[in-house]
Amino acid sequence: MNKAIITVVGQDTVGIIARVCTYLSKSNVNVLDISQTIIDGFFNMMMIIDYSDADKDFGTVVDDLEGLGEEIGVRIRCQREEIFTKMHRI
């Protein structure tokens, strides 16, 4: 299994989750877990995905998600699980 962490942060608008999940589905990326909150109009989402069967290489998925974020007015970041874990270790 090839896991990655996606974070989405920005002003809340209609369709953020739908747009991200639609892209992942079309790219054959599986969502393993998802958590999202909205605090005072600010949207925050974290997803754990498995990109083992993705139709695109990981770098392309990262770039596409960043571009999607720009389109919908949020910041989308995707990192391999091992990198995310090492960066957020206490």
PDB file of N, CA and C in Angstrom:
ATOM      1  N   MET A   1       0.855  -1.178   0.000  1.00  0.00           N
ATOM      2  CA  MET A   1       0.000   0.000   0.000  1.00  0.00           C
ATOM      3  C   MET A   1       0.900   1.240   0.000  1.00  0.00           C
ATOM      4  N   ASN A   2       0.576   2.202  -0.841  1.00  0.00           N
ATOM      5  CA  ASN A   2       1.289   3.472  -0.907  1.00  0.00           C
ATOM      6  C   ASN A   2       0.379   4.560  -0.367  1.00  0.00           C
ATOM      7  N   LYS A   3       0.622   4.980   0.875  1.00  0.00           N
ATOM      8  CA  LYS A   3      -0.239   5.971   1.511  1.00  0.00           C
ATOM      9  C   LYS A   3       0.338   7.366   1.372  1.00  0.00           C
ATOM     10  N   ALA A   4      -0.583   8.326   1.316  1.00  0.00           N
ATOM     11  CA  ALA A   4      -0.216   9.735   1.312  1.00  0.00           C
ATOM     12  C   ALA A   4      -1.247  10.502   2.129  1.00  0.00           C
ATOM     13  N   ILE A   5      -0.847  11.697   2.550  1.00  0.00           N
ATOM     14  CA  ILE A   5      -1.712  12.576   3.328  1.00  0.00           C
ATOM     15  C   ILE A   5      -2.022  13.802   2.484  1.00  0.00           C
ATOM     16  N   ILE A   6      -3.299  14.117   2.374  1.00  0.00           N
ATOM     17  CA  ILE A   6      -3.735  15.325   1.677  1.00  0.00           C
ATOM     18  C   ILE A   6      -4.314  16.269   2.719  1.00  0.00           C
ATOM     19  N   THR A   7      -3.871  17.526   2.694  1.00  0.00           N
ATOM     20  CA  THR A   7      -4.467  18.556   3.540  1.00  0.00           C
ATOM     21  C   THR A   7      -5.051  19.638   2.650  1.00  0.00           C
ATOM     22  N   VAL A   8      -6.214  20.122   3.049  1.00  0.00           N
ATOM     23  CA  VAL A   8      -6.900  21.178   2.305  1.00  0.00           C
ATOM     24  C   VAL A   8      -7.289  22.255   3.308  1.00  0.00           C
ATOM     25  N   VAL A   9      -6.866  23.484   3.041  1.00  0.00           N
ATOM     26  CA  VAL A   9      -7.141  24.593   3.957  1.00  0.00           C
ATOM     27  C   VAL A   9      -7.558  25.811   3.149  1.00  0.00           C
ATOM     28  N   GLY A  10      -8.574  26.520   3.631  1.00  0.00           N
ATOM     29  CA  GLY A  10      -8.977  27.760   2.969  1.00  0.00           C
ATOM     30  C   GLY A  10     -10.355  28.203   3.394  1.00  0.00           C
ATOM     31  N   GLN A  11     -10.822  29.255   2.738  1.00  0.00           N
ATOM     32  CA  GLN A  11     -12.161  29.771   2.986  1.00  0.00           C
ATOM     33  C   GLN A  11     -13.177  28.715   2.552  1.00  0.00           C
ATOM     34  N   ASP A  12     -14.189  28.490   3.367  1.00  0.00           N
ATOM     35  CA  ASP A  12     -15.191  27.476   3.042  1.00  0.00           C
ATOM     36  C   ASP A  12     -16.054  27.922   1.864  1.00  0.00           C
ATOM     37  N   THR A  13     -16.239  27.004   0.920  1.00  0.00           N
ATOM     38  CA  THR A  13     -17.149  27.215  -0.201  1.00  0.00           C
ATOM     39  C   THR A  13     -17.828  25.888  -0.521  1.00  0.00           C
ATOM     40  N   VAL A  14     -18.890  25.946  -1.264  1.00  0.00           N
ATOM     41  CA  VAL A  14     -19.624  24.747  -1.645  1.00  0.00           C
ATOM     42  C   VAL A  14     -18.776  23.910  -2.611  1.00  0.00           C
ATOM     43  N   GLY A  15     -18.700  22.601  -2.362  1.00  0.00           N
ATOM     44  CA  GLY A  15     -18.126  21.677  -3.324  1.00  0.00           C
ATOM     45  C   GLY A  15     -16.664  21.319  -3.170  1.00  0.00           C
ATOM     46  N   ILE A  16     -16.000  21.769  -2.116  1.00  0.00           N
ATOM     47  CA  ILE A  16     -14.577  21.469  -1.960  1.00  0.00           C
ATOM     48  C   ILE A  16     -14.352  19.959  -1.886  1.00  0.00           C
ATOM     49  N   ILE A  17     -15.062  19.298  -0.985  1.00  0.00           N
ATOM     50  CA  ILE A  17     -14.882  17.855  -0.824  1.00  0.00           C
ATOM     51  C   ILE A  17     -15.249  17.133  -2.125  1.00  0.00           C
ATOM     52  N   ALA A  18     -16.328  17.546  -2.745  1.00  0.00           N
ATOM     53  CA  ALA A  18     -16.762  16.908  -3.987  1.00  0.00           C
ATOM     54  C   ALA A  18     -15.701  17.025  -5.078  1.00  0.00           C
ATOM     55  N   ARG A  19     -15.114  18.197  -5.237  1.00  0.00           N
ATOM     56  CA  ARG A  19     -14.108  18.390  -6.299  1.00  0.00           C
ATOM     57  C   ARG A  19     -12.862  17.545  -6.040  1.00  0.00           C
ATOM     58  N   VAL A  20     -12.397  17.521  -4.785  1.00  0.00           N
ATOM     59  CA  VAL A  20     -11.201  16.737  -4.462  1.00  0.00           C
ATOM     60  C   VAL A  20     -11.476  15.251  -4.648  1.00  0.00           C
ATOM     61  N   CYS A  21     -12.595  14.785  -4.119  1.00  0.00           N
ATOM     62  CA  CYS A  21     -12.927  13.358  -4.234  1.00  0.00           C
ATOM     63  C   CYS A  21     -13.196  12.942  -5.678  1.00  0.00           C
ATOM     64  N   THR A  22     -13.793  13.812  -6.473  1.00  0.00           N
ATOM     65  CA  THR A  22     -14.013  13.504  -7.880  1.00  0.00           C
ATOM     66  C   THR A  22     -12.679  13.324  -8.599  1.00  0.00           C
ATOM     67  N   TYR A  23     -11.737  14.232  -8.355  1.00  0.00           N
ATOM     68  CA  TYR A  23     -10.414  14.094  -8.969  1.00  0.00           C
ATOM     69  C   TYR A  23      -9.761  12.770  -8.553  1.00  0.00           C
ATOM     70  N   LEU A  24      -9.806  12.459  -7.262  1.00  0.00           N
ATOM     71  CA  LEU A  24      -9.171  11.230  -6.774  1.00  0.00           C
ATOM     72  C   LEU A  24      -9.822   9.998  -7.397  1.00  0.00           C
ATOM     73  N   SER A  25     -11.130   9.989  -7.468  1.00  0.00           N
ATOM     74  CA  SER A  25     -11.851   8.863  -8.054  1.00  0.00           C
ATOM     75  C   SER A  25     -11.485   8.673  -9.525  1.00  0.00           C
ATOM     76  N   LYS A  26     -11.460   9.762 -10.272  1.00  0.00           N
ATOM     77  CA  LYS A  26     -11.112   9.681 -11.697  1.00  0.00           C
ATOM     78  C   LYS A  26      -9.667   9.236 -11.909  1.00  0.00           C
ATOM     79  N   SER A  27      -8.820   9.445 -10.899  1.00  0.00           N
ATOM     80  CA  SER A  27      -7.409   9.055 -10.986  1.00  0.00           C
ATOM     81  C   SER A  27      -7.154   7.680 -10.376  1.00  0.00           C
ATOM     82  N   ASN A  28      -8.223   7.007  -9.949  1.00  0.00           N
ATOM     83  CA  ASN A  28      -8.144   5.677  -9.341  1.00  0.00           C
ATOM     84  C   ASN A  28      -7.341   5.677  -8.038  1.00  0.00           C
ATOM     85  N   VAL A  29      -7.547   6.729  -7.240  1.00  0.00           N
ATOM     86  CA  VAL A  29      -6.912   6.861  -5.930  1.00  0.00           C
ATOM     87  C   VAL A  29      -7.982   6.587  -4.876  1.00  0.00           C
ATOM     88  N   ASN A  30      -7.667   5.723  -3.915  1.00  0.00           N
ATOM     89  CA  ASN A  30      -8.632   5.324  -2.895  1.00  0.00           C
ATOM     90  C   ASN A  30      -8.494   6.188  -1.644  1.00  0.00           C
ATOM     91  N   VAL A  31      -9.622   6.693  -1.148  1.00  0.00           N
ATOM     92  CA  VAL A  31      -9.649   7.447   0.109  1.00  0.00           C
ATOM     93  C   VAL A  31      -9.827   6.454   1.246  1.00  0.00           C
ATOM     94  N   LEU A  32      -8.846   6.398   2.151  1.00  0.00           N
ATOM     95  CA  LEU A  32      -8.890   5.482   3.283  1.00  0.00           C
ATOM     96  C   LEU A  32      -9.560   6.107   4.501  1.00  0.00           C
ATOM     97  N   ASP A  33      -9.339   7.409   4.696  1.00  0.00           N
ATOM     98  CA  ASP A  33      -9.911   8.106   5.849  1.00  0.00           C
ATOM     99  C   ASP A  33     -10.012   9.582   5.506  1.00  0.00           C
ATOM    100  N   ILE A  34     -10.996  10.229   6.098  1.00  0.00           N
ATOM    101  CA  ILE A  34     -11.197  11.657   5.839  1.00  0.00           C
ATOM    102  C   ILE A  34     -11.754  12.323   7.091  1.00  0.00           C
ATOM    103  N   SER A  35     -11.250  13.514   7.364  1.00  0.00           N
ATOM    104  CA  SER A  35     -11.740  14.309   8.486  1.00  0.00           C
ATOM    105  C   SER A  35     -11.780  15.758   8.024  1.00  0.00           C
ATOM    106  N   GLN A  36     -12.876  16.439   8.336  1.00  0.00           N
ATOM    107  CA  GLN A  36     -12.962  17.844   7.952  1.00  0.00           C
ATOM    108  C   GLN A  36     -13.708  18.631   9.006  1.00  0.00           C
ATOM    109  N   THR A  37     -13.296  19.876   9.143  1.00  0.00           N
ATOM    110  CA  THR A  37     -13.964  20.787  10.066  1.00  0.00           C
ATOM    111  C   THR A  37     -14.089  22.157   9.398  1.00  0.00           C
ATOM    112  N   ILE A  38     -15.050  22.902   9.871  1.00  0.00           N
ATOM    113  CA  ILE A  38     -15.212  24.285   9.450  1.00  0.00           C
ATOM    114  C   ILE A  38     -15.281  25.112  10.725  1.00  0.00           C
ATOM    115  N   ILE A  39     -14.344  26.033  10.849  1.00  0.00           N
ATOM    116  CA  ILE A  39     -14.281  26.886  12.033  1.00  0.00           C
ATOM    117  C   ILE A  39     -14.354  28.335  11.574  1.00  0.00           C
ATOM    118  N   ASP A  40     -15.425  29.004  11.974  1.00  0.00           N
ATOM    119  CA  ASP A  40     -15.621  30.420  11.662  1.00  0.00           C
ATOM    120  C   ASP A  40     -15.419  30.714  10.172  1.00  0.00           C
ATOM    121  N   GLY A  41     -15.917  29.826   9.317  1.00  0.00           N
ATOM    122  CA  GLY A  41     -15.851  30.031   7.878  1.00  0.00           C
ATOM    123  C   GLY A  41     -14.598  29.519   7.197  1.00  0.00           C
ATOM    124  N   PHE A  42     -13.683  28.942   7.987  1.00  0.00           N
ATOM    125  CA  PHE A  42     -12.459  28.391   7.406  1.00  0.00           C
ATOM    126  C   PHE A  42     -12.548  26.871   7.350  1.00  0.00           C
ATOM    127  N   PHE A  43     -12.269  26.339   6.171  1.00  0.00           N
ATOM    128  CA  PHE A  43     -12.374  24.910   5.896  1.00  0.00           C
ATOM    129  C   PHE A  43     -11.016  24.250   6.125  1.00  0.00           C
ATOM    130  N   ASN A  44     -11.024  23.095   6.789  1.00  0.00           N
ATOM    131  CA  ASN A  44      -9.803  22.336   7.033  1.00  0.00           C
ATOM    132  C   ASN A  44     -10.129  20.855   6.853  1.00  0.00           C
ATOM    133  N   MET A  45      -9.409  20.184   5.957  1.00  0.00           N
ATOM    134  CA  MET A  45      -9.660  18.766   5.717  1.00  0.00           C
ATOM    135  C   MET A  45      -8.338  18.023   5.656  1.00  0.00           C
ATOM    136  N   MET A  46      -8.365  16.799   6.175  1.00  0.00           N
ATOM    137  CA  MET A  46      -7.211  15.916   6.100  1.00  0.00           C
ATOM    138  C   MET A  46      -7.709  14.574   5.592  1.00  0.00           C
ATOM    139  N   MET A  47      -6.991  14.031   4.602  1.00  0.00           N
ATOM    140  CA  MET A  47      -7.363  12.745   4.023  1.00  0.00           C
ATOM    141  C   MET A  47      -6.148  11.832   4.031  1.00  0.00           C
ATOM    142  N   ILE A  48      -6.390  10.558   4.244  1.00  0.00           N
ATOM    143  CA  ILE A  48      -5.364   9.552   4.032  1.00  0.00           C
ATOM    144  C   ILE A  48      -5.797   8.773   2.792  1.00  0.00           C
ATOM    145  N   ILE A  49      -4.890   8.683   1.837  1.00  0.00           N
ATOM    146  CA  ILE A  49      -5.218   8.023   0.574  1.00  0.00           C
ATOM    147  C   ILE A  49      -4.239   6.888   0.288  1.00  0.00           C
ATOM    148  N   ASP A  50      -4.675   5.975  -0.567  1.00  0.00           N
ATOM    149  CA  ASP A  50      -3.810   4.920  -1.099  1.00  0.00           C
ATOM    150  C   ASP A  50      -3.719   5.144  -2.599  1.00  0.00           C
ATOM    151  N   TYR A  51      -2.502   5.445  -3.072  1.00  0.00           N
ATOM    152  CA  TYR A  51      -2.316   5.720  -4.496  1.00  0.00           C
ATOM    153  C   TYR A  51      -1.653   4.556  -5.235  1.00  0.00           C
ATOM    154  N   SER A  52      -1.706   3.358  -4.657  1.00  0.00           N
ATOM    155  CA  SER A  52      -1.077   2.179  -5.260  1.00  0.00           C
ATOM    156  C   SER A  52      -1.562   1.903  -6.677  1.00  0.00           C
ATOM    157  N   ASP A  53      -2.853   2.108  -6.923  1.00  0.00           N
ATOM    158  CA  ASP A  53      -3.434   1.789  -8.226  1.00  0.00           C
ATOM    159  C   ASP A  53      -3.723   3.027  -9.066  1.00  0.00           C
ATOM    160  N   ALA A  54      -3.119   4.152  -8.695  1.00  0.00           N
ATOM    161  CA  ALA A  54      -3.385   5.407  -9.398  1.00  0.00           C
ATOM    162  C   ALA A  54      -3.017   5.304 -10.873  1.00  0.00           C
ATOM    163  N   ASP A  55      -3.803   5.985 -11.694  1.00  0.00           N
ATOM    164  CA  ASP A  55      -3.554   6.028 -13.135  1.00  0.00           C
ATOM    165  C   ASP A  55      -2.415   6.972 -13.499  1.00  0.00           C
ATOM    166  N   LYS A  56      -1.988   7.795 -12.530  1.00  0.00           N
ATOM    167  CA  LYS A  56      -0.949   8.800 -12.760  1.00  0.00           C
ATOM    168  C   LYS A  56       0.168   8.577 -11.749  1.00  0.00           C
ATOM    169  N   ASP A  57       1.364   9.062 -12.063  1.00  0.00           N
ATOM    170  CA  ASP A  57       2.437   8.950 -11.077  1.00  0.00           C
ATOM    171  C   ASP A  57       2.190   9.947  -9.945  1.00  0.00           C
ATOM    172  N   PHE A  58       2.842   9.718  -8.819  1.00  0.00           N
ATOM    173  CA  PHE A  58       2.581  10.507  -7.611  1.00  0.00           C
ATOM    174  C   PHE A  58       2.828  11.995  -7.847  1.00  0.00           C
ATOM    175  N   GLY A  59       3.902  12.336  -8.533  1.00  0.00           N
ATOM    176  CA  GLY A  59       4.210  13.744  -8.799  1.00  0.00           C
ATOM    177  C   GLY A  59       3.116  14.446  -9.573  1.00  0.00           C
ATOM    178  N   THR A  60       2.516  13.755 -10.508  1.00  0.00           N
ATOM    179  CA  THR A  60       1.414  14.333 -11.288  1.00  0.00           C
ATOM    180  C   THR A  60       0.199  14.556 -10.406  1.00  0.00           C
ATOM    181  N   VAL A  61      -0.104  13.601  -9.531  1.00  0.00           N
ATOM    182  CA  VAL A  61      -1.231  13.762  -8.599  1.00  0.00           C
ATOM    183  C   VAL A  61      -1.006  14.993  -7.721  1.00  0.00           C
ATOM    184  N   VAL A  62       0.205  15.144  -7.193  1.00  0.00           N
ATOM    185  CA  VAL A  62       0.534  16.300  -6.350  1.00  0.00           C
ATOM    186  C   VAL A  62       0.310  17.599  -7.123  1.00  0.00           C
ATOM    187  N   ASP A  63       0.848  17.675  -8.333  1.00  0.00           N
ATOM    188  CA  ASP A  63       0.714  18.883  -9.146  1.00  0.00           C
ATOM    189  C   ASP A  63      -0.744  19.171  -9.506  1.00  0.00           C
ATOM    190  N   ASP A  64      -1.472  18.127  -9.879  1.00  0.00           N
ATOM    191  CA  ASP A  64      -2.886  18.297 -10.237  1.00  0.00           C
ATOM    192  C   ASP A  64      -3.691  18.816  -9.049  1.00  0.00           C
ATOM    193  N   LEU A  65      -3.429  18.269  -7.861  1.00  0.00           N
ATOM    194  CA  LEU A  65      -4.164  18.713  -6.670  1.00  0.00           C
ATOM    195  C   LEU A  65      -3.834  20.165  -6.324  1.00  0.00           C
ATOM    196  N   GLU A  66      -2.572  20.550  -6.468  1.00  0.00           N
ATOM    197  CA  GLU A  66      -2.215  21.957  -6.224  1.00  0.00           C
ATOM    198  C   GLU A  66      -2.958  22.867  -7.203  1.00  0.00           C
ATOM    199  N   GLY A  67      -3.014  22.455  -8.471  1.00  0.00           N
ATOM    200  CA  GLY A  67      -3.751  23.228  -9.469  1.00  0.00           C
ATOM    201  C   GLY A  67      -5.235  23.301  -9.178  1.00  0.00           C
ATOM    202  N   LEU A  68      -5.809  22.186  -8.730  1.00  0.00           N
ATOM    203  CA  LEU A  68      -7.218  22.160  -8.354  1.00  0.00           C
ATOM    204  C   LEU A  68      -7.474  23.124  -7.199  1.00  0.00           C
ATOM    205  N   GLY A  69      -6.568  23.134  -6.233  1.00  0.00           N
ATOM    206  CA  GLY A  69      -6.700  24.059  -5.110  1.00  0.00           C
ATOM    207  C   GLY A  69      -6.744  25.504  -5.563  1.00  0.00           C
ATOM    208  N   GLU A  70      -5.877  25.851  -6.512  1.00  0.00           N
ATOM    209  CA  GLU A  70      -5.874  27.220  -7.047  1.00  0.00           C
ATOM    210  C   GLU A  70      -7.207  27.537  -7.718  1.00  0.00           C
ATOM    211  N   GLU A  71      -7.758  26.562  -8.440  1.00  0.00           N
ATOM    212  CA  GLU A  71      -9.048  26.754  -9.120  1.00  0.00           C
ATOM    213  C   GLU A  71     -10.172  27.049  -8.138  1.00  0.00           C
ATOM    214  N   ILE A  72     -10.185  26.328  -7.015  1.00  0.00           N
ATOM    215  CA  ILE A  72     -11.319  26.458  -6.088  1.00  0.00           C
ATOM    216  C   ILE A  72     -11.020  27.360  -4.890  1.00  0.00           C
ATOM    217  N   GLY A  73      -9.839  27.958  -4.860  1.00  0.00           N
ATOM    218  CA  GLY A  73      -9.530  28.954  -3.839  1.00  0.00           C
ATOM    219  C   GLY A  73      -9.096  28.410  -2.497  1.00  0.00           C
ATOM    220  N   VAL A  74      -8.495  27.224  -2.484  1.00  0.00           N
ATOM    221  CA  VAL A  74      -7.955  26.654  -1.254  1.00  0.00           C
ATOM    222  C   VAL A  74      -6.521  26.181  -1.515  1.00  0.00           C
ATOM    223  N   ARG A  75      -5.830  25.846  -0.453  1.00  0.00           N
ATOM    224  CA  ARG A  75      -4.490  25.281  -0.614  1.00  0.00           C
ATOM    225  C   ARG A  75      -4.581  23.777  -0.384  1.00  0.00           C
ATOM    226  N   ILE A  76      -4.149  23.006  -1.379  1.00  0.00           N
ATOM    227  CA  ILE A  76      -4.153  21.551  -1.274  1.00  0.00           C
ATOM    228  C   ILE A  76      -2.703  21.085  -1.314  1.00  0.00           C
ATOM    229  N   ARG A  77      -2.357  20.290  -0.306  1.00  0.00           N
ATOM    230  CA  ARG A  77      -1.004  19.752  -0.224  1.00  0.00           C
ATOM    231  C   ARG A  77      -1.095  18.237  -0.094  1.00  0.00           C
ATOM    232  N   CYS A  78      -0.251  17.523  -0.813  1.00  0.00           N
ATOM    233  CA  CYS A  78      -0.237  16.064  -0.774  1.00  0.00           C
ATOM    234  C   CYS A  78       1.200  15.606  -0.546  1.00  0.00           C
ATOM    235  N   GLN A  79       1.389  14.808   0.499  1.00  0.00           N
ATOM    236  CA  GLN A  79       2.716  14.303   0.841  1.00  0.00           C
ATOM    237  C   GLN A  79       2.656  12.807   1.100  1.00  0.00           C
ATOM    238  N   ARG A  80       3.709  12.111   0.718  1.00  0.00           N
ATOM    239  CA  ARG A  80       3.794  10.697   1.073  1.00  0.00           C
ATOM    240  C   ARG A  80       3.725  10.567   2.588  1.00  0.00           C
ATOM    241  N   GLU A  81       3.115   9.483   3.049  1.00  0.00           N
ATOM    242  CA  GLU A  81       2.891   9.285   4.481  1.00  0.00           C
ATOM    243  C   GLU A  81       4.189   9.355   5.280  1.00  0.00           C
ATOM    244  N   GLU A  82       5.249   8.722   4.794  1.00  0.00           N
ATOM    245  CA  GLU A  82       6.493   8.701   5.566  1.00  0.00           C
ATOM    246  C   GLU A  82       7.101  10.093   5.708  1.00  0.00           C
ATOM    247  N   ILE A  83       6.974  10.930   4.695  1.00  0.00           N
ATOM    248  CA  ILE A  83       7.480  12.303   4.773  1.00  0.00           C
ATOM    249  C   ILE A  83       6.632  13.110   5.745  1.00  0.00           C
ATOM    250  N   PHE A  84       5.302  12.999   5.631  1.00  0.00           N
ATOM    251  CA  PHE A  84       4.397  13.720   6.528  1.00  0.00           C
ATOM    252  C   PHE A  84       4.675  13.342   7.976  1.00  0.00           C
ATOM    253  N   THR A  85       4.828  12.046   8.237  1.00  0.00           N
ATOM    254  CA  THR A  85       5.058  11.570   9.599  1.00  0.00           C
ATOM    255  C   THR A  85       6.361  12.126  10.163  1.00  0.00           C
ATOM    256  N   LYS A  86       7.423  12.091   9.380  1.00  0.00           N
ATOM    257  CA  LYS A  86       8.714  12.592   9.855  1.00  0.00           C
ATOM    258  C   LYS A  86       8.665  14.099  10.097  1.00  0.00           C
ATOM    259  N   MET A  87       7.937  14.834   9.274  1.00  0.00           N
ATOM    260  CA  MET A  87       7.855  16.283   9.447  1.00  0.00           C
ATOM    261  C   MET A  87       7.047  16.678  10.682  1.00  0.00           C
ATOM    262  N   HIS A  88       6.124  15.822  11.104  1.00  0.00           N
ATOM    263  CA  HIS A  88       5.220  16.182  12.215  1.00  0.00           C
ATOM    264  C   HIS A  88       5.503  15.373  13.478  1.00  0.00           C
ATOM    265  N   ARG A  89       6.668  14.774  13.549  1.00  0.00           N
ATOM    266  CA  ARG A  89       7.065  14.041  14.741  1.00  0.00           C
ATOM    267  C   ARG A  89       7.432  15.022  15.844  1.00  0.00           C
ATOM    268  N   ILE A  90       7.043  14.723  17.048  1.00  0.00           N
ATOM    269  CA  ILE A  90       7.373  15.600  18.176  1.00  0.00           C
ATOM    270  C   ILE A  90       8.638  15.112  18.843  1.00  0.00           C
TER     271      ILE A  90
END
